[in-house]
Amino acid sequence: MEERSFEQSLRELEEIVEELERGDLPLEEALRLFEKGVELSRICHRKLDEVKRRVEILMREGERLVSRPFEEEKAEDNRKLGEDG
């Protein structure tokens, strides 16, 4: 399968899921689409893992990795904006 963006892979995966959920495909076609969907799902997971690693590298403070929930980051940014304003 050629290199696709995360968004392209996810969009195609969603289309496959919709097609399979209709339930009107012949068995062989459904199996072919299912296999393609599994492959696309793996591509999406691999790309998300790559992004997660990149974000973790960017979030390193010294030698220690600081992992905070997104909402905590947002609240902290809002507090800083309130202090500056």
PDB file of N, CA and C in Angstrom:
ATOM      1  N   MET A   1       0.855  -1.182   0.000  1.00  0.00           N
ATOM      2  CA  MET A   1       0.000   0.000   0.000  1.00  0.00           C
ATOM      3  C   MET A   1       0.899   1.243   0.000  1.00  0.00           C
ATOM      4  N   GLU A   2       0.606   2.202  -0.849  1.00  0.00           N
ATOM      5  CA  GLU A   2       1.444   3.397  -0.944  1.00  0.00           C
ATOM      6  C   GLU A   2       1.310   4.253   0.316  1.00  0.00           C
ATOM      7  N   GLU A   3       2.294   5.126   0.508  1.00  0.00           N
ATOM      8  CA  GLU A   3       2.307   6.003   1.681  1.00  0.00           C
ATOM      9  C   GLU A   3       1.160   6.995   1.593  1.00  0.00           C
ATOM     10  N   ARG A   4       0.352   7.028   2.624  1.00  0.00           N
ATOM     11  CA  ARG A   4      -0.788   7.941   2.699  1.00  0.00           C
ATOM     12  C   ARG A   4      -0.665   8.765   3.960  1.00  0.00           C
ATOM     13  N   SER A   5      -1.347   9.892   3.964  1.00  0.00           N
ATOM     14  CA  SER A   5      -1.398  10.689   5.182  1.00  0.00           C
ATOM     15  C   SER A   5      -2.342  10.004   6.172  1.00  0.00           C
ATOM     16  N   PHE A   6      -2.251  10.389   7.419  1.00  0.00           N
ATOM     17  CA  PHE A   6      -3.153   9.867   8.440  1.00  0.00           C
ATOM     18  C   PHE A   6      -4.598  10.146   8.040  1.00  0.00           C
ATOM     19  N   GLU A   7      -4.840  11.372   7.587  1.00  0.00           N
ATOM     20  CA  GLU A   7      -6.198  11.776   7.239  1.00  0.00           C
ATOM     21  C   GLU A   7      -6.759  10.963   6.076  1.00  0.00           C
ATOM     22  N   GLN A   8      -5.937  10.708   5.070  1.00  0.00           N
ATOM     23  CA  GLN A   8      -6.377   9.897   3.936  1.00  0.00           C
ATOM     24  C   GLN A   8      -6.699   8.474   4.389  1.00  0.00           C
ATOM     25  N   SER A   9      -5.840   7.907   5.206  1.00  0.00           N
ATOM     26  CA  SER A   9      -6.049   6.547   5.691  1.00  0.00           C
ATOM     27  C   SER A   9      -7.304   6.460   6.536  1.00  0.00           C
ATOM     28  N   LEU A  10      -7.501   7.417   7.422  1.00  0.00           N
ATOM     29  CA  LEU A  10      -8.675   7.415   8.285  1.00  0.00           C
ATOM     30  C   LEU A  10      -9.952   7.581   7.475  1.00  0.00           C
ATOM     31  N   ARG A  11      -9.930   8.477   6.501  1.00  0.00           N
ATOM     32  CA  ARG A  11     -11.105   8.708   5.658  1.00  0.00           C
ATOM     33  C   ARG A  11     -11.472   7.421   4.900  1.00  0.00           C
ATOM     34  N   GLU A  12     -10.465   6.765   4.329  1.00  0.00           N
ATOM     35  CA  GLU A  12     -10.726   5.528   3.594  1.00  0.00           C
ATOM     36  C   GLU A  12     -11.225   4.434   4.540  1.00  0.00           C
ATOM     37  N   LEU A  13     -10.661   4.358   5.726  1.00  0.00           N
ATOM     38  CA  LEU A  13     -11.106   3.379   6.714  1.00  0.00           C
ATOM     39  C   LEU A  13     -12.571   3.619   7.083  1.00  0.00           C
ATOM     40  N   GLU A  14     -12.952   4.872   7.275  1.00  0.00           N
ATOM     41  CA  GLU A  14     -14.342   5.198   7.592  1.00  0.00           C
ATOM     42  C   GLU A  14     -15.283   4.773   6.463  1.00  0.00           C
ATOM     43  N   GLU A  15     -14.851   4.970   5.218  1.00  0.00           N
ATOM     44  CA  GLU A  15     -15.663   4.565   4.078  1.00  0.00           C
ATOM     45  C   GLU A  15     -15.843   3.047   4.050  1.00  0.00           C
ATOM     46  N   ILE A  16     -14.774   2.324   4.350  1.00  0.00           N
ATOM     47  CA  ILE A  16     -14.841   0.857   4.376  1.00  0.00           C
ATOM     48  C   ILE A  16     -15.793   0.393   5.474  1.00  0.00           C
ATOM     49  N   VAL A  17     -15.698   0.998   6.648  1.00  0.00           N
ATOM     50  CA  VAL A  17     -16.577   0.624   7.758  1.00  0.00           C
ATOM     51  C   VAL A  17     -18.039   0.850   7.370  1.00  0.00           C
ATOM     52  N   GLU A  18     -18.331   2.001   6.768  1.00  0.00           N
ATOM     53  CA  GLU A  18     -19.698   2.285   6.345  1.00  0.00           C
ATOM     54  C   GLU A  18     -20.195   1.243   5.348  1.00  0.00           C
ATOM     55  N   GLU A  19     -19.331   0.885   4.409  1.00  0.00           N
ATOM     56  CA  GLU A  19     -19.692  -0.099   3.389  1.00  0.00           C
ATOM     57  C   GLU A  19     -19.955  -1.469   4.024  1.00  0.00           C
ATOM     58  N   LEU A  20     -19.091  -1.876   4.951  1.00  0.00           N
ATOM     59  CA  LEU A  20     -19.267  -3.163   5.617  1.00  0.00           C
ATOM     60  C   LEU A  20     -20.513  -3.173   6.496  1.00  0.00           C
ATOM     61  N   GLU A  21     -20.799  -2.037   7.143  1.00  0.00           N
ATOM     62  CA  GLU A  21     -21.964  -1.964   8.028  1.00  0.00           C
ATOM     63  C   GLU A  21     -23.283  -2.091   7.272  1.00  0.00           C
ATOM     64  N   ARG A  22     -23.279  -1.730   5.991  1.00  0.00           N
ATOM     65  CA  ARG A  22     -24.504  -1.888   5.203  1.00  0.00           C
ATOM     66  C   ARG A  22     -24.892  -3.355   5.084  1.00  0.00           C
ATOM     67  N   GLY A  23     -23.891  -4.227   5.071  1.00  0.00           N
ATOM     68  CA  GLY A  23     -24.149  -5.654   5.095  1.00  0.00           C
ATOM     69  C   GLY A  23     -24.637  -6.267   3.803  1.00  0.00           C
ATOM     70  N   ASP A  24     -24.511  -5.567   2.684  1.00  0.00           N
ATOM     71  CA  ASP A  24     -25.050  -6.097   1.423  1.00  0.00           C
ATOM     72  C   ASP A  24     -23.960  -6.546   0.446  1.00  0.00           C
ATOM     73  N   LEU A  25     -22.741  -6.732   0.934  1.00  0.00           N
ATOM     74  CA  LEU A  25     -21.634  -7.143   0.067  1.00  0.00           C
ATOM     75  C   LEU A  25     -21.520  -8.661   0.016  1.00  0.00           C
ATOM     76  N   PRO A  26     -21.089  -9.185  -1.116  1.00  0.00           N
ATOM     77  CA  PRO A  26     -20.771 -10.614  -1.166  1.00  0.00           C
ATOM     78  C   PRO A  26     -19.631 -10.912  -0.184  1.00  0.00           C
ATOM     79  N   LEU A  27     -19.583 -12.120   0.305  1.00  0.00           N
ATOM     80  CA  LEU A  27     -18.614 -12.505   1.328  1.00  0.00           C
ATOM     81  C   LEU A  27     -17.174 -12.195   0.928  1.00  0.00           C
ATOM     82  N   GLU A  28     -16.779 -12.551  -0.281  1.00  0.00           N
ATOM     83  CA  GLU A  28     -15.389 -12.317  -0.708  1.00  0.00           C
ATOM     84  C   GLU A  28     -15.047 -10.828  -0.751  1.00  0.00           C
ATOM     85  N   GLU A  29     -15.984 -10.007  -1.227  1.00  0.00           N
ATOM     86  CA  GLU A  29     -15.760  -8.554  -1.269  1.00  0.00           C
ATOM     87  C   GLU A  29     -15.673  -7.992   0.151  1.00  0.00           C
ATOM     88  N   ALA A  30     -16.536  -8.471   1.039  1.00  0.00           N
ATOM     89  CA  ALA A  30     -16.505  -8.024   2.435  1.00  0.00           C
ATOM     90  C   ALA A  30     -15.170  -8.397   3.081  1.00  0.00           C
ATOM     91  N   LEU A  31     -14.692  -9.590   2.800  1.00  0.00           N
ATOM     92  CA  LEU A  31     -13.411 -10.028   3.353  1.00  0.00           C
ATOM     93  C   LEU A  31     -12.267  -9.183   2.810  1.00  0.00           C
ATOM     94  N   ARG A  32     -12.292  -8.890   1.513  1.00  0.00           N
ATOM     95  CA  ARG A  32     -11.260  -8.044   0.906  1.00  0.00           C
ATOM     96  C   ARG A  32     -11.247  -6.664   1.553  1.00  0.00           C
ATOM     97  N   LEU A  33     -12.434  -6.076   1.733  1.00  0.00           N
ATOM     98  CA  LEU A  33     -12.515  -4.756   2.369  1.00  0.00           C
ATOM     99  C   LEU A  33     -12.082  -4.816   3.830  1.00  0.00           C
ATOM    100  N   PHE A  34     -12.450  -5.886   4.525  1.00  0.00           N
ATOM    101  CA  PHE A  34     -12.048  -6.037   5.920  1.00  0.00           C
ATOM    102  C   PHE A  34     -10.524  -6.067   6.034  1.00  0.00           C
ATOM    103  N   GLU A  35      -9.880  -6.844   5.161  1.00  0.00           N
ATOM    104  CA  GLU A  35      -8.413  -6.919   5.171  1.00  0.00           C
ATOM    105  C   GLU A  35      -7.789  -5.552   4.905  1.00  0.00           C
ATOM    106  N   LYS A  36      -8.356  -4.831   3.964  1.00  0.00           N
ATOM    107  CA  LYS A  36      -7.856  -3.488   3.662  1.00  0.00           C
ATOM    108  C   LYS A  36      -8.067  -2.561   4.863  1.00  0.00           C
ATOM    109  N   GLY A  37      -9.202  -2.709   5.526  1.00  0.00           N
ATOM    110  CA  GLY A  37      -9.487  -1.905   6.712  1.00  0.00           C
ATOM    111  C   GLY A  37      -8.507  -2.171   7.839  1.00  0.00           C
ATOM    112  N   VAL A  38      -8.160  -3.435   8.035  1.00  0.00           N
ATOM    113  CA  VAL A  38      -7.174  -3.789   9.069  1.00  0.00           C
ATOM    114  C   VAL A  38      -5.840  -3.132   8.745  1.00  0.00           C
ATOM    115  N   GLU A  39      -5.449  -3.192   7.487  1.00  0.00           N
ATOM    116  CA  GLU A  39      -4.188  -2.573   7.076  1.00  0.00           C
ATOM    117  C   GLU A  39      -4.223  -1.060   7.301  1.00  0.00           C
ATOM    118  N   LEU A  40      -5.328  -0.431   6.940  1.00  0.00           N
ATOM    119  CA  LEU A  40      -5.455   1.013   7.147  1.00  0.00           C
ATOM    120  C   LEU A  40      -5.454   1.360   8.635  1.00  0.00           C
ATOM    121  N   SER A  41      -6.091   0.535   9.440  1.00  0.00           N
ATOM    122  CA  SER A  41      -6.101   0.750  10.888  1.00  0.00           C
ATOM    123  C   SER A  41      -4.684   0.694  11.446  1.00  0.00           C
ATOM    124  N   ARG A  42      -3.898  -0.242  10.971  1.00  0.00           N
ATOM    125  CA  ARG A  42      -2.505  -0.353  11.419  1.00  0.00           C
ATOM    126  C   ARG A  42      -1.697   0.870  11.002  1.00  0.00           C
ATOM    127  N   ILE A  43      -1.945   1.350   9.794  1.00  0.00           N
ATOM    128  CA  ILE A  43      -1.257   2.563   9.322  1.00  0.00           C
ATOM    129  C   ILE A  43      -1.600   3.739  10.241  1.00  0.00           C
ATOM    130  N   CYS A  44      -2.887   3.891  10.556  1.00  0.00           N
ATOM    131  CA  CYS A  44      -3.313   4.991  11.429  1.00  0.00           C
ATOM    132  C   CYS A  44      -2.667   4.881  12.802  1.00  0.00           C
ATOM    133  N   HIS A  45      -2.666   3.683  13.377  1.00  0.00           N
ATOM    134  CA  HIS A  45      -2.047   3.500  14.695  1.00  0.00           C
ATOM    135  C   HIS A  45      -0.555   3.798  14.648  1.00  0.00           C
ATOM    136  N   ARG A  46       0.107   3.359  13.593  1.00  0.00           N
ATOM    137  CA  ARG A  46       1.550   3.602  13.462  1.00  0.00           C
ATOM    138  C   ARG A  46       1.822   5.106  13.380  1.00  0.00           C
ATOM    139  N   LYS A  47       1.019   5.821  12.599  1.00  0.00           N
ATOM    140  CA  LYS A  47       1.216   7.265  12.469  1.00  0.00           C
ATOM    141  C   LYS A  47       0.931   7.978  13.793  1.00  0.00           C
ATOM    142  N   LEU A  48      -0.104   7.543  14.511  1.00  0.00           N
ATOM    143  CA  LEU A  48      -0.399   8.143  15.812  1.00  0.00           C
ATOM    144  C   LEU A  48       0.731   7.880  16.807  1.00  0.00           C
ATOM    145  N   ASP A  49       1.287   6.669  16.782  1.00  0.00           N
ATOM    146  CA  ASP A  49       2.421   6.365  17.661  1.00  0.00           C
ATOM    147  C   ASP A  49       3.619   7.253  17.342  1.00  0.00           C
ATOM    148  N   GLU A  50       3.878   7.478  16.043  1.00  0.00           N
ATOM    149  CA  GLU A  50       4.985   8.353  15.642  1.00  0.00           C
ATOM    150  C   GLU A  50       4.776   9.766  16.170  1.00  0.00           C
ATOM    151  N   VAL A  51       3.564  10.264  16.042  1.00  0.00           N
ATOM    152  CA  VAL A  51       3.253  11.618  16.514  1.00  0.00           C
ATOM    153  C   VAL A  51       3.394  11.685  18.029  1.00  0.00           C
ATOM    154  N   LYS A  52       2.920  10.658  18.722  1.00  0.00           N
ATOM    155  CA  LYS A  52       3.022  10.639  20.175  1.00  0.00           C
ATOM    156  C   LYS A  52       4.482  10.713  20.601  1.00  0.00           C
ATOM    157  N   ARG A  53       5.346   9.939  19.947  1.00  0.00           N
ATOM    158  CA  ARG A  53       6.774   9.968  20.287  1.00  0.00           C
ATOM    159  C   ARG A  53       7.359  11.353  20.026  1.00  0.00           C
ATOM    160  N   ARG A  54       6.970  11.969  18.925  1.00  0.00           N
ATOM    161  CA  ARG A  54       7.494  13.309  18.615  1.00  0.00           C
ATOM    162  C   ARG A  54       7.044  14.324  19.660  1.00  0.00           C
ATOM    163  N   VAL A  55       5.791  14.233  20.083  1.00  0.00           N
ATOM    164  CA  VAL A  55       5.276  15.155  21.094  1.00  0.00           C
ATOM    165  C   VAL A  55       6.009  14.923  22.422  1.00  0.00           C
ATOM    166  N   GLU A  56       6.219  13.659  22.776  1.00  0.00           N
ATOM    167  CA  GLU A  56       6.932  13.375  24.018  1.00  0.00           C
ATOM    168  C   GLU A  56       8.346  13.946  23.994  1.00  0.00           C
ATOM    169  N   ILE A  57       9.000  13.867  22.862  1.00  0.00           N
ATOM    170  CA  ILE A  57      10.349  14.442  22.742  1.00  0.00           C
ATOM    171  C   ILE A  57      10.288  15.951  22.949  1.00  0.00           C
ATOM    172  N   LEU A  58       9.295  16.580  22.377  1.00  0.00           N
ATOM    173  CA  LEU A  58       9.158  18.028  22.518  1.00  0.00           C
ATOM    174  C   LEU A  58       8.794  18.432  23.941  1.00  0.00           C
ATOM    175  N   MET A  59       8.146  17.532  24.675  1.00  0.00           N
ATOM    176  CA  MET A  59       7.687  17.845  26.029  1.00  0.00           C
ATOM    177  C   MET A  59       8.751  17.553  27.093  1.00  0.00           C
ATOM    178  N   ARG A  60       9.880  17.042  26.695  1.00  0.00           N
ATOM    179  CA  ARG A  60      10.921  16.698  27.680  1.00  0.00           C
ATOM    180  C   ARG A  60      11.383  17.959  28.402  1.00  0.00           C
ATOM    181  N   GLU A  61      11.500  17.826  29.702  1.00  0.00           N
ATOM    182  CA  GLU A  61      12.055  18.903  30.525  1.00  0.00           C
ATOM    183  C   GLU A  61      13.319  18.351  31.164  1.00  0.00           C
ATOM    184  N   GLY A  62      14.448  18.804  30.680  1.00  0.00           N
ATOM    185  CA  GLY A  62      15.705  18.230  31.141  1.00  0.00           C
ATOM    186  C   GLY A  62      15.793  16.798  30.663  1.00  0.00           C
ATOM    187  N   GLU A  63      16.109  15.898  31.570  1.00  0.00           N
ATOM    188  CA  GLU A  63      16.190  14.479  31.238  1.00  0.00           C
ATOM    189  C   GLU A  63      14.890  13.759  31.556  1.00  0.00           C
ATOM    190  N   ARG A  64      13.927  14.467  32.091  1.00  0.00           N
ATOM    191  CA  ARG A  64      12.694  13.851  32.560  1.00  0.00           C
ATOM    192  C   ARG A  64      11.565  14.149  31.584  1.00  0.00           C
ATOM    193  N   LEU A  65      10.786  13.140  31.246  1.00  0.00           N
ATOM    194  CA  LEU A  65       9.647  13.313  30.371  1.00  0.00           C
ATOM    195  C   LEU A  65       8.458  13.723  31.220  1.00  0.00           C
ATOM    196  N   VAL A  66       7.848  14.839  30.863  1.00  0.00           N
ATOM    197  CA  VAL A  66       6.673  15.313  31.575  1.00  0.00           C
ATOM    198  C   VAL A  66       5.472  15.042  30.691  1.00  0.00           C
ATOM    199  N   SER A  67       4.598  14.215  31.185  1.00  0.00           N
ATOM    200  CA  SER A  67       3.402  13.871  30.430  1.00  0.00           C
ATOM    201  C   SER A  67       2.201  14.414  31.185  1.00  0.00           C
ATOM    202  N   ARG A  68       1.500  15.358  30.566  1.00  0.00           N
ATOM    203  CA  ARG A  68       0.339  15.973  31.201  1.00  0.00           C
ATOM    204  C   ARG A  68      -0.854  15.851  30.283  1.00  0.00           C
ATOM    205  N   PRO A  69      -2.052  15.674  30.840  1.00  0.00           N
ATOM    206  CA  PRO A  69      -3.246  15.645  29.997  1.00  0.00           C
ATOM    207  C   PRO A  69      -3.414  16.972  29.271  1.00  0.00           C
ATOM    208  N   PHE A  70      -3.997  16.919  28.084  1.00  0.00           N
ATOM    209  CA  PHE A  70      -4.187  18.105  27.267  1.00  0.00           C
ATOM    210  C   PHE A  70      -4.961  19.174  28.021  1.00  0.00           C
ATOM    211  N   GLU A  71      -6.005  18.795  28.734  1.00  0.00           N
ATOM    212  CA  GLU A  71      -6.823  19.774  29.453  1.00  0.00           C
ATOM    213  C   GLU A  71      -6.007  20.514  30.511  1.00  0.00           C
ATOM    214  N   GLU A  72      -5.064  19.824  31.156  1.00  0.00           N
ATOM    215  CA  GLU A  72      -4.201  20.465  32.140  1.00  0.00           C
ATOM    216  C   GLU A  72      -3.329  21.515  31.465  1.00  0.00           C
ATOM    217  N   GLU A  73      -2.814  21.188  30.289  1.00  0.00           N
ATOM    218  CA  GLU A  73      -2.003  22.146  29.524  1.00  0.00           C
ATOM    219  C   GLU A  73      -2.837  23.379  29.188  1.00  0.00           C
ATOM    220  N   LYS A  74      -4.061  23.153  28.753  1.00  0.00           N
ATOM    221  CA  LYS A  74      -4.947  24.254  28.370  1.00  0.00           C
ATOM    222  C   LYS A  74      -5.234  25.154  29.574  1.00  0.00           C
ATOM    223  N   ALA A  75      -5.512  24.557  30.728  1.00  0.00           N
ATOM    224  CA  ALA A  75      -5.786  25.336  31.934  1.00  0.00           C
ATOM    225  C   ALA A  75      -4.562  26.150  32.338  1.00  0.00           C
ATOM    226  N   GLU A  76      -3.387  25.535  32.233  1.00  0.00           N
ATOM    227  CA  GLU A  76      -2.147  26.240  32.572  1.00  0.00           C
ATOM    228  C   GLU A  76      -1.930  27.427  31.634  1.00  0.00           C
ATOM    229  N   ASP A  77      -2.171  27.225  30.349  1.00  0.00           N
ATOM    230  CA  ASP A  77      -2.022  28.322  29.387  1.00  0.00           C
ATOM    231  C   ASP A  77      -2.999  29.449  29.707  1.00  0.00           C
ATOM    232  N   ASN A  78      -4.229  29.113  30.071  1.00  0.00           N
ATOM    233  CA  ASN A  78      -5.220  30.126  30.418  1.00  0.00           C
ATOM    234  C   ASN A  78      -4.798  30.916  31.645  1.00  0.00           C
ATOM    235  N   ARG A  79      -4.219  30.216  32.657  1.00  0.00           N
ATOM    236  CA  ARG A  79      -3.743  30.914  33.851  1.00  0.00           C
ATOM    237  C   ARG A  79      -2.638  31.897  33.489  1.00  0.00           C
ATOM    238  N   LYS A  80      -1.723  31.460  32.627  1.00  0.00           N
ATOM    239  CA  LYS A  80      -0.621  32.330  32.225  1.00  0.00           C
ATOM    240  C   LYS A  80      -1.151  33.549  31.488  1.00  0.00           C
ATOM    241  N   LEU A  81      -2.138  33.360  30.620  1.00  0.00           N
ATOM    242  CA  LEU A  81      -2.715  34.490  29.899  1.00  0.00           C
ATOM    243  C   LEU A  81      -3.368  35.466  30.857  1.00  0.00           C
ATOM    244  N   GLY A  82      -4.024  34.936  31.907  1.00  0.00           N
ATOM    245  CA  GLY A  82      -4.656  35.799  32.898  1.00  0.00           C
ATOM    246  C   GLY A  82      -3.647  36.593  33.691  1.00  0.00           C
ATOM    247  N   GLU A  83      -2.484  35.989  33.967  1.00  0.00           N
ATOM    248  CA  GLU A  83      -1.420  36.671  34.712  1.00  0.00           C
ATOM    249  C   GLU A  83      -0.802  37.776  33.880  1.00  0.00           C
ATOM    250  N   ASP A  84      -0.664  37.543  32.567  1.00  0.00           N
ATOM    251  CA  ASP A  84      -0.025  38.517  31.704  1.00  0.00           C
ATOM    252  C   ASP A  84      -0.940  39.696  31.396  1.00  0.00           C
ATOM    253  N   GLY A  85      -2.243  39.440  31.421  1.00  0.00           N
ATOM    254  CA  GLY A  85      -3.207  40.442  30.968  1.00  0.00           C
ATOM    255  C   GLY A  85      -3.600  41.313  32.045  1.00  0.00           C
TER     256      GLY A  85
END
